[in-house]
Amino acid sequence: MGFGVDMAKAREIHKTKIREARTPLLSALDVEFQKAQETSADTSAIVAKKNALRDAPADSEIDSASDADALKAQWKTDILGTSPYS
């Protein structure tokens, strides 16, 4: 008999890590958005990035991860930056 991973708890921890990683990214995008508005520049790319960050904790791959390794592999480095698991 061995110990297992509580996947429900692991998913919640993973979501918390996502929220922690996205906080400074959202702040930086807020500044970028304001600067773009001041110059009447296109803000659609900034808005898309912000939406991707907001949606990250609700990614369906988190719920479908069958083990801890699959959950760690779900980290989207293109959106969230460097994985806290590496």
N, C-alpha and C. Protein backbone atom coordinates (compact mmCIF):
# COMPACT_ATOMS: atom_id res chain seq x y z
N MET A 1 0.84 -1.17 0.00
CA MET A 1 0.00 0.00 0.00
C MET A 1 0.89 1.24 0.00
N GLY A 2 0.62 2.18 -0.90
CA GLY A 2 1.43 3.38 -1.00
C GLY A 2 0.58 4.64 -0.84
N PHE A 3 1.26 5.70 -0.94
CA PHE A 3 0.59 6.99 -0.84
C PHE A 3 0.28 7.50 -2.23
N GLY A 4 -0.84 8.16 -2.37
CA GLY A 4 -1.23 8.72 -3.65
C GLY A 4 -1.30 10.23 -3.59
N VAL A 5 -1.56 10.81 -4.72
CA VAL A 5 -1.70 12.26 -4.82
C VAL A 5 -3.18 12.60 -4.80
N ASP A 6 -3.57 13.51 -3.94
CA ASP A 6 -4.94 14.00 -3.91
C ASP A 6 -5.09 14.98 -5.08
N MET A 7 -5.62 14.50 -6.19
CA MET A 7 -5.68 15.31 -7.41
C MET A 7 -6.58 16.53 -7.25
N ALA A 8 -7.62 16.44 -6.45
CA ALA A 8 -8.47 17.62 -6.24
C ALA A 8 -7.66 18.73 -5.56
N LYS A 9 -6.89 18.36 -4.56
CA LYS A 9 -6.05 19.34 -3.86
C LYS A 9 -4.94 19.84 -4.78
N ALA A 10 -4.35 18.94 -5.56
CA ALA A 10 -3.28 19.32 -6.50
C ALA A 10 -3.80 20.31 -7.53
N ARG A 11 -5.02 20.11 -8.00
CA ARG A 11 -5.61 21.04 -8.98
C ARG A 11 -5.79 22.43 -8.37
N GLU A 12 -6.25 22.48 -7.12
CA GLU A 12 -6.43 23.77 -6.46
C GLU A 12 -5.09 24.47 -6.23
N ILE A 13 -4.07 23.73 -5.86
CA ILE A 13 -2.73 24.31 -5.69
C ILE A 13 -2.23 24.84 -7.03
N HIS A 14 -2.44 24.09 -8.08
CA HIS A 14 -2.02 24.50 -9.42
C HIS A 14 -2.72 25.80 -9.83
N LYS A 15 -4.02 25.87 -9.58
CA LYS A 15 -4.77 27.09 -9.92
C LYS A 15 -4.26 28.28 -9.12
N THR A 16 -3.90 28.05 -7.86
CA THR A 16 -3.35 29.12 -7.03
C THR A 16 -2.02 29.61 -7.60
N LYS A 17 -1.19 28.67 -8.05
CA LYS A 17 0.09 29.05 -8.67
C LYS A 17 -0.14 29.88 -9.94
N ILE A 18 -1.15 29.52 -10.71
CA ILE A 18 -1.49 30.28 -11.92
C ILE A 18 -1.90 31.70 -11.52
N ARG A 19 -2.76 31.81 -10.52
CA ARG A 19 -3.21 33.13 -10.08
C ARG A 19 -2.05 33.99 -9.59
N GLU A 20 -1.12 33.36 -8.88
CA GLU A 20 0.06 34.10 -8.39
C GLU A 20 0.95 34.55 -9.55
N ALA A 21 1.10 33.70 -10.55
CA ALA A 21 1.96 34.04 -11.69
C ALA A 21 1.33 35.12 -12.57
N ARG A 22 0.02 35.14 -12.66
CA ARG A 22 -0.61 36.09 -13.57
C ARG A 22 -0.78 37.49 -12.98
N THR A 23 -0.73 37.62 -11.66
CA THR A 23 -0.96 38.93 -11.03
C THR A 23 -0.01 40.01 -11.55
N PRO A 24 1.31 39.80 -11.53
CA PRO A 24 2.19 40.86 -12.05
C PRO A 24 2.05 41.04 -13.56
N LEU A 25 1.70 39.97 -14.26
CA LEU A 25 1.53 40.08 -15.71
C LEU A 25 0.31 40.94 -16.05
N LEU A 26 -0.76 40.75 -15.30
CA LEU A 26 -1.95 41.57 -15.53
C LEU A 26 -1.68 43.04 -15.20
N SER A 27 -0.93 43.28 -14.15
CA SER A 27 -0.58 44.67 -13.79
C SER A 27 0.22 45.34 -14.89
N ALA A 28 1.18 44.61 -15.44
CA ALA A 28 1.99 45.16 -16.53
C ALA A 28 1.13 45.43 -17.77
N LEU A 29 0.19 44.55 -18.03
CA LEU A 29 -0.69 44.75 -19.19
C LEU A 29 -1.64 45.92 -18.96
N ASP A 30 -2.03 46.16 -17.72
CA ASP A 30 -2.87 47.33 -17.42
C ASP A 30 -2.14 48.61 -17.79
N VAL A 31 -0.87 48.69 -17.45
CA VAL A 31 -0.06 49.87 -17.79
C VAL A 31 0.07 50.00 -19.31
N GLU A 32 0.36 48.87 -19.95
CA GLU A 32 0.49 48.86 -21.41
C GLU A 32 -0.81 49.31 -22.07
N PHE A 33 -1.93 48.86 -21.54
CA PHE A 33 -3.25 49.22 -22.07
C PHE A 33 -3.49 50.73 -21.94
N GLN A 34 -3.17 51.27 -20.77
CA GLN A 34 -3.37 52.70 -20.56
C GLN A 34 -2.50 53.54 -21.49
N LYS A 35 -1.25 53.12 -21.67
CA LYS A 35 -0.37 53.84 -22.59
C LYS A 35 -0.91 53.77 -24.02
N ALA A 36 -1.43 52.63 -24.40
CA ALA A 36 -1.98 52.48 -25.75
C ALA A 36 -3.20 53.37 -25.93
N GLN A 37 -4.01 53.46 -24.91
CA GLN A 37 -5.19 54.33 -25.00
C GLN A 37 -4.80 55.79 -25.12
N GLU A 38 -3.76 56.18 -24.43
CA GLU A 38 -3.31 57.58 -24.48
C GLU A 38 -2.86 57.98 -25.87
N THR A 39 -2.35 57.03 -26.63
CA THR A 39 -1.88 57.33 -27.98
C THR A 39 -2.86 56.86 -29.05
N SER A 40 -4.03 56.43 -28.62
CA SER A 40 -5.08 55.92 -29.53
C SER A 40 -4.59 54.73 -30.35
N ALA A 41 -3.69 53.94 -29.78
CA ALA A 41 -3.17 52.75 -30.45
C ALA A 41 -4.18 51.60 -30.30
N ASP A 42 -4.00 50.59 -31.11
CA ASP A 42 -4.86 49.41 -31.06
C ASP A 42 -4.60 48.64 -29.77
N THR A 43 -5.65 48.33 -29.03
CA THR A 43 -5.52 47.62 -27.76
C THR A 43 -6.00 46.17 -27.84
N SER A 44 -6.38 45.70 -28.99
CA SER A 44 -6.97 44.36 -29.11
C SER A 44 -6.00 43.25 -28.69
N ALA A 45 -4.73 43.37 -29.02
CA ALA A 45 -3.76 42.34 -28.63
C ALA A 45 -3.58 42.32 -27.11
N ILE A 46 -3.58 43.48 -26.50
CA ILE A 46 -3.44 43.57 -25.05
C ILE A 46 -4.65 42.94 -24.37
N VAL A 47 -5.82 43.25 -24.88
CA VAL A 47 -7.05 42.69 -24.32
C VAL A 47 -7.06 41.17 -24.46
N ALA A 48 -6.60 40.66 -25.57
CA ALA A 48 -6.54 39.21 -25.78
C ALA A 48 -5.59 38.55 -24.78
N LYS A 49 -4.45 39.18 -24.52
CA LYS A 49 -3.50 38.64 -23.53
C LYS A 49 -4.11 38.64 -22.14
N LYS A 50 -4.79 39.73 -21.79
CA LYS A 50 -5.42 39.81 -20.48
C LYS A 50 -6.51 38.75 -20.32
N ASN A 51 -7.29 38.53 -21.36
CA ASN A 51 -8.33 37.52 -21.31
C ASN A 51 -7.74 36.12 -21.17
N ALA A 52 -6.64 35.86 -21.86
CA ALA A 52 -5.99 34.55 -21.75
C ALA A 52 -5.50 34.33 -20.31
N LEU A 53 -4.96 35.37 -19.70
CA LEU A 53 -4.50 35.25 -18.31
C LEU A 53 -5.67 35.03 -17.36
N ARG A 54 -6.77 35.74 -17.59
CA ARG A 54 -7.95 35.57 -16.74
C ARG A 54 -8.54 34.17 -16.87
N ASP A 55 -8.50 33.62 -18.08
CA ASP A 55 -9.09 32.31 -18.33
C ASP A 55 -8.19 31.15 -17.92
N ALA A 56 -6.93 31.39 -17.66
CA ALA A 56 -5.96 30.32 -17.39
C ALA A 56 -6.36 29.38 -16.25
N PRO A 57 -6.89 29.86 -15.12
CA PRO A 57 -7.25 28.92 -14.06
C PRO A 57 -8.44 28.02 -14.42
N ALA A 58 -9.20 28.40 -15.41
CA ALA A 58 -10.38 27.61 -15.80
C ALA A 58 -10.10 26.68 -16.98
N ASP A 59 -8.83 26.53 -17.35
CA ASP A 59 -8.45 25.68 -18.48
C ASP A 59 -8.95 24.25 -18.24
N SER A 60 -9.61 23.69 -19.22
CA SER A 60 -10.17 22.34 -19.09
C SER A 60 -9.10 21.27 -18.92
N GLU A 61 -7.88 21.54 -19.35
CA GLU A 61 -6.79 20.58 -19.18
C GLU A 61 -6.44 20.37 -17.71
N ILE A 62 -6.74 21.33 -16.87
CA ILE A 62 -6.49 21.18 -15.43
C ILE A 62 -7.41 20.09 -14.88
N ASP A 63 -8.68 20.16 -15.22
CA ASP A 63 -9.63 19.17 -14.72
C ASP A 63 -9.43 17.79 -15.33
N SER A 64 -8.88 17.74 -16.53
CA SER A 64 -8.70 16.44 -17.18
C SER A 64 -7.35 15.80 -16.86
N ALA A 65 -6.48 16.49 -16.14
CA ALA A 65 -5.17 15.91 -15.78
C ALA A 65 -5.39 14.70 -14.88
N SER A 66 -4.79 13.58 -15.26
CA SER A 66 -5.01 12.34 -14.53
C SER A 66 -3.99 12.10 -13.42
N ASP A 67 -2.86 12.80 -13.49
CA ASP A 67 -1.84 12.65 -12.46
C ASP A 67 -1.06 13.95 -12.32
N ALA A 68 -0.16 13.99 -11.34
CA ALA A 68 0.59 15.22 -11.05
C ALA A 68 1.45 15.65 -12.23
N ASP A 69 2.05 14.68 -12.94
CA ASP A 69 2.90 15.03 -14.08
C ASP A 69 2.09 15.68 -15.20
N ALA A 70 0.90 15.18 -15.45
CA ALA A 70 0.03 15.77 -16.48
C ALA A 70 -0.40 17.17 -16.07
N LEU A 71 -0.62 17.36 -14.79
CA LEU A 71 -1.01 18.68 -14.29
C LEU A 71 0.14 19.67 -14.45
N LYS A 72 1.35 19.25 -14.11
CA LYS A 72 2.52 20.12 -14.27
C LYS A 72 2.77 20.45 -15.74
N ALA A 73 2.53 19.49 -16.61
CA ALA A 73 2.75 19.70 -18.05
C ALA A 73 1.73 20.68 -18.64
N GLN A 74 0.65 20.91 -17.95
CA GLN A 74 -0.41 21.80 -18.43
C GLN A 74 -0.01 23.26 -18.36
N TRP A 75 1.02 23.61 -17.60
CA TRP A 75 1.44 25.01 -17.43
C TRP A 75 1.74 25.64 -18.79
N LYS A 76 1.05 26.71 -19.13
CA LYS A 76 1.20 27.38 -20.42
C LYS A 76 2.29 28.45 -20.32
N THR A 77 3.51 28.10 -20.69
CA THR A 77 4.63 29.04 -20.57
C THR A 77 4.48 30.24 -21.50
N ASP A 78 3.78 30.07 -22.61
CA ASP A 78 3.59 31.19 -23.53
C ASP A 78 2.68 32.26 -22.94
N ILE A 79 1.85 31.89 -21.99
CA ILE A 79 0.95 32.84 -21.36
C ILE A 79 1.46 33.25 -19.98
N LEU A 80 1.89 32.25 -19.20
CA LEU A 80 2.22 32.46 -17.79
C LEU A 80 3.71 32.62 -17.49
N GLY A 81 4.54 32.35 -18.47
CA GLY A 81 5.98 32.43 -18.23
C GLY A 81 6.53 31.12 -17.70
N THR A 82 7.68 31.20 -17.09
CA THR A 82 8.40 30.02 -16.61
C THR A 82 7.57 29.24 -15.61
N SER A 83 7.58 27.94 -15.76
CA SER A 83 6.84 27.05 -14.88
C SER A 83 7.47 27.02 -13.49
N PRO A 84 6.66 27.04 -12.44
CA PRO A 84 7.22 26.92 -11.10
C PRO A 84 7.68 25.50 -10.79
N TYR A 85 7.39 24.58 -11.67
CA TYR A 85 7.73 23.17 -11.48
C TYR A 85 9.08 22.79 -12.07
N SER A 86 9.72 23.72 -12.77
CA SER A 86 10.99 23.37 -13.41
C SER A 86 12.18 23.84 -12.60
